[in-house]
Amino acid sequence: MAKLDKIRWQCRRGLLELDLILQEFNRRHLADLDPEQLERFEELLVLSDNDLLDLAMGRAAVPEPRYHNVVQLLRAA
């Protein structure tokens, strides 16, 4: 559980729009991610706020195929 708490903390961002998307993603999907999806999500959290928001809003392409599944969930949040 500590790992999920750390990830939730990393989801606190500087952009309100991104915060709202990540909060909803956490509420709907975080606990159900498999270990690989969780790792991919953590990798995406390294992106800058603007880049992550563009990815979540569909304004940017998925950077690599391995992120496709997690980005779909993020966009559905």
C-alpha atoms as a PDB file:
ATOM      1  CA  MET A   1       0.000   0.000   0.000  1.00  0.00           C
ATOM      2  CA  ALA A   2       2.893   2.375   0.636  1.00  0.00           C
ATOM      3  CA  LYS A   3       3.773   2.282  -3.059  1.00  0.00           C
ATOM      4  CA  LEU A   4       0.273   3.423  -4.045  1.00  0.00           C
ATOM      5  CA  ASP A   5       0.436   6.212  -1.476  1.00  0.00           C
ATOM      6  CA  LYS A   6       3.728   7.378  -2.998  1.00  0.00           C
ATOM      7  CA  ILE A   7       2.196   7.358  -6.465  1.00  0.00           C
ATOM      8  CA  ARG A   8      -0.849   9.287  -5.252  1.00  0.00           C
ATOM      9  CA  TRP A   9       1.508  11.889  -3.806  1.00  0.00           C
ATOM     10  CA  GLN A  10       3.375  12.130  -7.132  1.00  0.00           C
ATOM     11  CA  CYS A  11       0.041  12.818  -8.825  1.00  0.00           C
ATOM     12  CA  ARG A  12      -0.272  16.145  -7.025  1.00  0.00           C
ATOM     13  CA  ARG A  13       0.695  18.561  -9.767  1.00  0.00           C
ATOM     14  CA  GLY A  14       0.799  22.276 -10.448  1.00  0.00           C
ATOM     15  CA  LEU A  15      -1.965  22.375 -13.062  1.00  0.00           C
ATOM     16  CA  LEU A  16      -5.536  22.163 -11.803  1.00  0.00           C
ATOM     17  CA  GLU A  17      -6.751  20.416 -14.954  1.00  0.00           C
ATOM     18  CA  LEU A  18      -4.066  17.748 -14.609  1.00  0.00           C
ATOM     19  CA  ASP A  19      -4.773  17.347 -10.890  1.00  0.00           C
ATOM     20  CA  LEU A  20      -8.420  16.657 -11.655  1.00  0.00           C
ATOM     21  CA  ILE A  21      -7.597  14.087 -14.326  1.00  0.00           C
ATOM     22  CA  LEU A  22      -5.089  12.308 -12.098  1.00  0.00           C
ATOM     23  CA  GLN A  23      -7.459  12.314  -9.119  1.00  0.00           C
ATOM     24  CA  GLU A  24     -10.135  10.663 -11.218  1.00  0.00           C
ATOM     25  CA  PHE A  25      -7.617   8.183 -12.648  1.00  0.00           C
ATOM     26  CA  ASN A  26      -6.526   7.295  -9.116  1.00  0.00           C
ATOM     27  CA  ARG A  27     -10.106   6.874  -7.960  1.00  0.00           C
ATOM     28  CA  ARG A  28     -11.126   4.679 -10.889  1.00  0.00           C
ATOM     29  CA  HIS A  29      -8.027   2.744 -11.909  1.00  0.00           C
ATOM     30  CA  LEU A  30      -4.959   2.947  -9.674  1.00  0.00           C
ATOM     31  CA  ALA A  31      -5.803   0.084  -7.314  1.00  0.00           C
ATOM     32  CA  ASP A  32      -6.609  -2.217 -10.260  1.00  0.00           C
ATOM     33  CA  LEU A  33      -3.408  -1.709 -12.258  1.00  0.00           C
ATOM     34  CA  ASP A  34      -1.197  -4.745 -12.644  1.00  0.00           C
ATOM     35  CA  PRO A  35       2.496  -4.345 -11.699  1.00  0.00           C
ATOM     36  CA  GLU A  36       3.550  -3.595 -15.286  1.00  0.00           C
ATOM     37  CA  GLN A  37       0.860  -0.949 -15.751  1.00  0.00           C
ATOM     38  CA  LEU A  38       1.795   0.578 -12.423  1.00  0.00           C
ATOM     39  CA  GLU A  39       5.424   0.815 -13.520  1.00  0.00           C
ATOM     40  CA  ARG A  40       4.419   2.449 -16.810  1.00  0.00           C
ATOM     41  CA  PHE A  41       2.233   4.947 -14.968  1.00  0.00           C
ATOM     42  CA  GLU A  42       5.129   5.861 -12.673  1.00  0.00           C
ATOM     43  CA  GLU A  43       7.300   6.410 -15.738  1.00  0.00           C
ATOM     44  CA  LEU A  44       4.696   8.770 -17.185  1.00  0.00           C
ATOM     45  CA  LEU A  45       4.606  10.763 -13.954  1.00  0.00           C
ATOM     46  CA  VAL A  46       8.174  11.878 -14.663  1.00  0.00           C
ATOM     47  CA  LEU A  47       6.865  13.982 -17.566  1.00  0.00           C
ATOM     48  CA  SER A  48       6.410  17.701 -17.057  1.00  0.00           C
ATOM     49  CA  ASP A  49       2.931  18.890 -16.128  1.00  0.00           C
ATOM     50  CA  ASN A  50       2.245  20.310 -19.582  1.00  0.00           C
ATOM     51  CA  ASP A  51       3.491  17.220 -21.404  1.00  0.00           C
ATOM     52  CA  LEU A  52       1.475  14.902 -19.174  1.00  0.00           C
ATOM     53  CA  LEU A  53      -1.636  17.050 -19.589  1.00  0.00           C
ATOM     54  CA  ASP A  54      -1.236  17.021 -23.381  1.00  0.00           C
ATOM     55  CA  LEU A  55      -0.878  13.246 -23.288  1.00  0.00           C
ATOM     56  CA  ALA A  56      -3.923  12.829 -21.040  1.00  0.00           C
ATOM     57  CA  MET A  57      -6.027  15.165 -23.185  1.00  0.00           C
ATOM     58  CA  GLY A  58      -5.070  13.403 -26.418  1.00  0.00           C
ATOM     59  CA  ARG A  59      -3.180  16.410 -27.751  1.00  0.00           C
ATOM     60  CA  ALA A  60       0.077  14.438 -27.822  1.00  0.00           C
ATOM     61  CA  ALA A  61       0.793  11.008 -29.241  1.00  0.00           C
ATOM     62  CA  VAL A  62       1.626   8.103 -26.968  1.00  0.00           C
ATOM     63  CA  PRO A  63       5.442   8.215 -26.736  1.00  0.00           C
ATOM     64  CA  GLU A  64       5.936   4.431 -26.986  1.00  0.00           C
ATOM     65  CA  PRO A  65       3.591   1.489 -27.572  1.00  0.00           C
ATOM     66  CA  ARG A  66       4.265   0.126 -24.078  1.00  0.00           C
ATOM     67  CA  TYR A  67       2.391   3.123 -22.611  1.00  0.00           C
ATOM     68  CA  HIS A  68      -0.694   2.702 -24.779  1.00  0.00           C
ATOM     69  CA  ASN A  69      -2.813   0.780 -22.262  1.00  0.00           C
ATOM     70  CA  VAL A  70      -2.128   3.151 -19.360  1.00  0.00           C
ATOM     71  CA  VAL A  71      -2.665   6.241 -21.515  1.00  0.00           C
ATOM     72  CA  GLN A  72      -6.033   4.871 -22.638  1.00  0.00           C
ATOM     73  CA  LEU A  73      -7.071   4.547 -18.991  1.00  0.00           C
ATOM     74  CA  LEU A  74      -5.739   8.033 -18.269  1.00  0.00           C
ATOM     75  CA  ARG A  75      -7.716   9.496 -21.154  1.00  0.00           C
ATOM     76  CA  ALA A  76     -10.869   7.710 -19.991  1.00  0.00           C
ATOM     77  CA  ALA A  77     -10.607   9.200 -16.500  1.00  0.00           C
END
